[in-house]
Protein backbone atom coordinates (compact mmCIF):
# COMPACT_ATOMS: atom_id res chain seq x y z
CA UNK A 1 -1.21 -6.34 4.51
CA UNK A 2 -2.91 -3.68 2.25
CA UNK A 3 -6.16 -1.70 2.02
CA UNK A 4 -5.90 -2.32 -2.09
CA UNK A 5 -9.51 -2.34 -3.54
CA UNK A 6 -11.78 -3.88 -0.76
CA UNK A 7 -14.95 -2.34 -2.60
CA UNK A 8 -14.02 -3.93 -6.42
CA UNK A 9 -13.52 -0.21 -7.43
CA UNK A 10 -11.85 1.21 -10.52
CA UNK A 11 -9.93 3.72 -8.89
CA UNK A 12 -7.29 3.95 -11.49
CA UNK A 13 -10.45 4.95 -13.65
CA UNK A 14 -12.06 7.26 -10.83
CA UNK A 15 -8.79 9.31 -10.38
CA UNK A 16 -8.39 10.07 -14.31
CA UNK A 17 -11.96 10.96 -14.30
CA UNK A 18 -11.59 13.31 -10.80
CA UNK A 19 -8.66 14.44 -12.36
CA UNK A 20 -9.96 16.00 -15.22
CA UNK A 21 -12.77 17.30 -13.90
CA UNK A 22 -10.85 19.10 -11.31
CA UNK A 23 -8.96 20.99 -14.05
CA UNK A 24 -11.87 21.80 -15.86
CA UNK A 25 -13.26 23.35 -12.86
CA UNK A 26 -10.47 25.34 -11.84
CA UNK A 27 -9.89 26.43 -15.45
CA UNK A 28 -13.28 28.56 -14.88
CA UNK A 29 -11.94 30.64 -11.95
CA UNK A 30 -10.50 33.61 -12.32
CA UNK A 31 -7.31 34.09 -11.01
CA UNK A 32 -6.73 34.97 -7.03
CA UNK A 33 -9.87 33.46 -6.80
CA UNK A 34 -10.09 32.44 -2.61
CA UNK A 35 -10.83 28.57 -2.15
CA UNK A 36 -14.16 28.72 0.04
CA UNK A 37 -13.19 25.32 1.72
CA UNK A 38 -9.18 25.66 2.37
CA UNK A 39 -9.57 29.92 2.98
CA UNK A 40 -5.99 29.92 3.39
CA UNK A 41 -6.00 28.94 0.00
CA UNK A 42 -6.65 30.68 -4.00
CA UNK A 43 -7.32 28.58 -6.48
CA UNK A 44 -3.94 28.76 -7.59
CA UNK A 45 -2.57 27.44 -4.66
CA UNK A 46 -5.57 24.45 -5.08
CA UNK A 47 -3.95 23.81 -8.19
CA UNK A 48 -0.17 23.84 -7.08
CA UNK A 49 -1.23 21.72 -4.53
CA UNK A 50 -3.21 18.74 -6.28
CA UNK A 51 -0.02 18.78 -9.54
CA UNK A 52 2.74 18.32 -6.37
CA UNK A 53 0.80 15.50 -4.69
CA UNK A 54 0.48 13.90 -8.29
CA UNK A 55 3.80 14.79 -9.23
CA UNK A 56 5.20 13.20 -5.08
CA UNK A 57 3.53 9.86 -5.88
CA UNK A 58 3.70 9.60 -9.53
CA UNK A 59 7.25 9.85 -8.83
CA UNK A 60 7.57 7.47 -5.94
CA UNK A 61 5.54 5.32 -7.92
CA UNK A 62 7.48 5.74 -11.33
CA UNK A 63 10.37 5.81 -10.02
CA UNK A 64 10.55 3.87 -6.81
CA UNK A 65 12.22 6.30 -4.80
CA UNK A 66 11.31 6.98 -1.27
CA UNK A 67 9.80 10.22 0.72
CA UNK A 68 12.91 11.96 0.58
CA UNK A 69 14.08 11.41 -2.59
CA UNK A 70 10.67 13.09 -3.78
CA UNK A 71 10.69 15.34 -2.17
CA UNK A 72 14.72 16.70 -3.09
CA UNK A 73 13.04 15.77 -6.90
CA UNK A 74 10.76 18.88 -6.05
CA UNK A 75 10.24 21.88 -9.02
CA UNK A 76 10.05 25.36 -8.47
CA UNK A 77 6.37 26.58 -8.51
CA UNK A 78 5.36 27.83 -12.02
CA UNK A 79 4.22 31.77 -11.86
CA UNK A 80 1.20 32.01 -13.81
CA UNK A 81 -1.89 30.06 -14.08
CA UNK A 82 -1.02 28.92 -17.52
CA UNK A 83 1.84 27.10 -16.20
CA UNK A 84 0.92 25.77 -13.12
CA UNK A 85 -2.38 24.21 -15.26
CA UNK A 86 1.01 22.67 -17.23
CA UNK A 87 2.09 21.43 -14.62
CA UNK A 88 -0.70 19.81 -13.41
CA UNK A 89 -2.02 18.27 -16.61
CA UNK A 90 2.08 16.94 -17.26
CA UNK A 91 1.73 15.61 -13.45
CA UNK A 92 -1.55 13.81 -13.47
CA UNK A 93 -0.66 12.24 -16.69
CA UNK A 94 2.82 10.70 -15.19
CA UNK A 95 0.76 9.76 -12.34
CA UNK A 96 -1.53 7.82 -14.30
CA UNK A 97 0.73 6.24 -16.55
CA UNK A 98 3.15 4.54 -13.16
CA UNK A 99 -0.04 3.42 -11.52
CA UNK A 100 -1.07 1.84 -15.10
CA UNK A 101 2.27 0.54 -15.31
CA UNK A 102 2.45 -1.24 -11.59
CA UNK A 103 0.44 -4.02 -9.87
CA UNK A 104 -1.82 -3.35 -6.21
CA UNK A 105 0.96 -5.42 -4.68
CA UNK A 106 4.16 -3.57 -6.02
CA UNK A 107 6.00 -2.51 -2.43
CA UNK A 108 5.84 1.25 -2.35
CA UNK A 109 6.63 3.48 0.20
CA UNK A 110 3.82 5.05 1.75
CA UNK A 111 3.15 7.01 5.29
CA UNK A 112 1.43 4.00 6.52
CA UNK A 113 2.19 0.80 7.41
CA UNK A 114 0.22 -0.57 4.19
CA UNK A 115 3.35 -0.21 1.96
CA UNK A 116 1.99 -1.19 -1.20
CA UNK A 117 0.89 0.70 -4.43
CA UNK A 118 -2.43 -0.50 -4.25
CA UNK A 119 -2.65 2.27 -1.26
CA UNK A 120 -1.28 5.05 -3.07
CA UNK A 121 -4.05 4.17 -5.73
CA UNK A 122 -6.61 4.28 -3.58
CA UNK A 123 -5.32 7.40 -1.56
CA UNK A 124 -5.00 8.94 -5.41
CA UNK A 125 -8.60 8.59 -6.28
CA UNK A 126 -9.58 10.17 -3.38
CA UNK A 127 -7.27 13.22 -3.09
CA UNK A 128 -8.76 14.02 -6.66
CA UNK A 129 -12.05 13.88 -5.73
CA UNK A 130 -12.32 16.17 -2.60
CA UNK A 131 -10.43 18.29 -4.57
CA UNK A 132 -12.52 18.24 -7.44
CA UNK A 133 -14.86 19.78 -5.20
CA UNK A 134 -13.00 22.40 -3.97
CA UNK A 135 -12.36 23.36 -7.63
CA UNK A 136 -16.42 23.55 -8.27
CA UNK A 137 -16.82 25.30 -5.10
CA UNK A 138 -13.95 28.03 -5.89
CA UNK A 139 -15.81 27.82 -9.34
CA UNK A 140 -19.39 29.38 -7.54
CA UNK A 141 -20.50 25.58 -9.18
CA UNK A 142 -22.57 23.42 -6.71
CA UNK A 143 -20.13 20.35 -6.81
CA UNK A 144 -21.59 17.71 -9.73
CA UNK A 145 -22.02 13.82 -8.88
CA UNK A 146 -20.35 12.25 -6.54
CA UNK A 147 -19.98 8.09 -7.32
CA UNK A 148 -22.14 6.53 -4.35
CA UNK A 149 -19.48 3.28 -4.28
CA UNK A 150 -16.60 5.32 -4.21
CA UNK A 151 -18.12 8.27 -1.89
CA UNK A 152 -18.94 4.78 0.90
CA UNK A 153 -14.86 3.99 -0.03
CA UNK A 154 -14.00 7.45 0.76
CA UNK A 155 -15.84 6.96 4.20
CA UNK A 156 -14.62 4.14 5.37
CA UNK A 157 -11.03 5.19 4.20
CA UNK A 158 -11.52 8.51 6.32
CA UNK A 159 -12.35 6.53 9.27
CA UNK A 160 -10.13 3.93 9.31
CA UNK A 161 -7.29 5.46 8.03
CA UNK A 162 -7.14 9.11 8.06
CA UNK A 163 -8.81 9.49 11.66
CA UNK A 164 -8.48 5.91 12.96
CA UNK A 165 -5.30 4.99 11.13
CA UNK A 166 -2.90 2.26 12.44
CA UNK A 167 -1.31 3.47 15.76
CA UNK A 168 2.45 3.76 16.25
CA UNK A 169 3.89 1.67 18.39
CA UNK A 170 4.13 4.23 20.73
CA UNK A 171 0.74 5.46 21.82
CA UNK A 172 -2.18 3.63 22.70
CA UNK A 173 -5.81 3.95 22.30
CA UNK A 174 -8.39 3.93 25.44
CA UNK A 175 -11.75 3.06 23.92
CA UNK A 176 -14.93 4.22 25.99
CA UNK A 177 -17.10 0.99 25.35
CA UNK A 178 -19.78 3.09 25.78
CA UNK A 179 -19.47 6.36 23.31
CA UNK A 180 -20.47 4.25 20.05
CA UNK A 181 -21.68 6.51 17.11
CA UNK A 182 -23.53 4.91 14.16
CA UNK A 183 -22.34 6.20 10.48
CA UNK A 184 -25.14 5.22 8.28
CA UNK A 185 -24.87 5.79 3.94
CA UNK A 186 -28.56 5.53 3.47
CA UNK A 187 -28.05 5.33 -0.39
CA UNK A 188 -25.24 2.41 -0.50
CA UNK A 189 -26.08 0.47 3.03
CA UNK A 190 -23.26 0.86 4.61
CA UNK A 191 -22.72 1.13 7.80
CA UNK A 192 -19.45 2.26 10.32
CA UNK A 193 -19.57 1.95 14.16
CA UNK A 194 -17.19 3.91 15.86
CA UNK A 195 -16.08 3.85 19.53
CA UNK A 196 -14.99 7.16 21.36
CA UNK A 197 -11.78 7.24 23.06
CA UNK A 198 -8.27 8.89 23.98
CA UNK A 199 -4.79 8.60 22.41
CA UNK A 200 -1.63 9.35 24.60
CA UNK A 201 1.77 8.57 24.19
CA UNK A 202 5.18 10.24 23.57
CA UNK A 203 6.60 10.37 20.73
CA UNK A 204 10.26 9.95 20.72
CA UNK A 205 11.35 11.02 17.40
CA UNK A 206 9.50 14.69 17.92
CA UNK A 207 10.00 14.45 21.40
CA UNK A 208 6.04 15.24 22.53
CA UNK A 209 3.72 13.81 24.47
CA UNK A 210 0.00 13.29 23.30
CA UNK A 211 -3.46 13.21 25.12
CA UNK A 212 -6.44 13.42 22.59
CA UNK A 213 -9.34 12.17 21.43
CA UNK A 214 -9.30 9.39 19.25
CA UNK A 215 -11.35 6.84 18.20
CA UNK A 216 -11.56 3.00 16.93
CA UNK A 217 -13.34 2.08 13.75
CA UNK A 218 -15.19 -1.97 13.94
CA UNK A 219 -13.83 -4.00 11.35
CA UNK A 220 -17.70 -4.62 10.60
CA UNK A 221 -20.57 -2.95 12.15
CA UNK A 222 -21.85 -5.29 14.42
CA UNK A 223 -25.44 -4.19 14.71
CA UNK A 224 -25.32 -3.44 18.52
CA UNK A 225 -27.46 -0.12 19.70
CA UNK A 226 -24.90 3.17 19.09
CA UNK A 227 -24.98 6.24 21.41
CA UNK A 228 -25.85 7.95 18.11
CA UNK A 229 -26.92 7.92 14.57
CA UNK A 230 -25.19 10.16 11.83
CA UNK A 231 -27.13 9.09 8.32
CA UNK A 232 -26.88 11.29 5.27
CA UNK A 233 -25.92 9.68 1.54
CA UNK A 234 -22.63 8.41 1.15
CA UNK A 235 -20.99 11.92 -0.83
CA UNK A 236 -22.57 13.87 1.95
CA UNK A 237 -20.72 11.71 4.47
CA UNK A 238 -18.08 12.06 2.80
CA UNK A 239 -17.76 15.56 2.44
CA UNK A 240 -18.24 15.90 6.26
CA UNK A 241 -15.49 14.31 7.05
CA UNK A 242 -13.30 16.21 4.98
CA UNK A 243 -14.94 19.52 6.35
CA UNK A 244 -16.51 19.88 2.69
CA UNK A 245 -20.29 21.17 3.18
CA UNK A 246 -22.62 18.55 2.45
CA UNK A 247 -25.44 19.22 0.27
CA UNK A 248 -28.40 18.06 2.60
CA UNK A 249 -27.83 18.08 6.13
CA UNK A 250 -27.42 15.20 8.00
CA UNK A 251 -29.45 13.08 10.23
CA UNK A 252 -28.14 13.26 14.08
CA UNK A 253 -29.84 11.57 16.86
CA UNK A 254 -28.93 10.52 19.95
CA UNK A 255 -26.41 11.40 22.95
CA UNK A 256 -25.80 14.90 21.91
CA UNK A 257 -22.09 14.51 24.10
CA UNK A 258 -21.63 11.87 21.66
CA UNK A 259 -22.33 13.56 18.29
CA UNK A 260 -20.20 16.82 19.89
CA UNK A 261 -17.21 15.14 20.92
CA UNK A 262 -16.94 13.12 17.42
CA UNK A 263 -17.06 16.75 15.58
CA UNK A 264 -14.17 17.67 18.03
CA UNK A 265 -12.29 14.59 16.53
CA UNK A 266 -12.63 15.71 12.51
CA UNK A 267 -12.59 19.45 13.47
CA UNK A 268 -9.31 19.83 13.14
CA UNK A 269 -9.68 18.29 9.29
CA UNK A 270 -6.98 15.78 7.27
CA UNK A 271 -3.90 17.11 6.57
């Protein structure tokens, strides 16, 4: 299966644009400036992070290797801002070239059940978008325009893959049918119907047991009454799910328990 481009989005174009905006925003920050949305990082940490992420996935696609080999090729972190920026620009360019040279359906290593280049293209467009927002916040700016279509797709990715992704073979999710939430993008007309539940299982690799809240997202919104609703523009919803600040407060209504429990699911953020 592939998640590639369910909305006919120019992911490669967005990746290039968001990466350029990211570099421009970081360039406008003083050395050592704290990243308000990632307080354990400063501007150089953010620059290294996205540069290394893009190098890693560019290596996966460009060289046709798996995560172990791509990780073994990780370079040492450059010491100063100028060298970090050069590293980022080089890695970003190489990722763009690798993704442009491979068809979306090309097999590739990923951490998802979707083992295609298409998954990587989509994921990297959203990775760059979120960190572009981080960079603008670090520069002390209000975030610049986020494309509504890409933002709605970001909500979809966050809900279906990052929070409600494929269950491991050793795990189960017990949905609570009465505990439902509808998330509505007021500007694009998209909506998602989410059921809260409990994820449990024992991971034989890590030798660790899990018993924690989880979510299940309907393939399409059935239109039935939900216990609670969260409504906002697609860009604000995307930022909210990534624990980044919304420009305009989201509209929240319905069962406060459902709203609180969903907040708890996303409170830990996305790795």
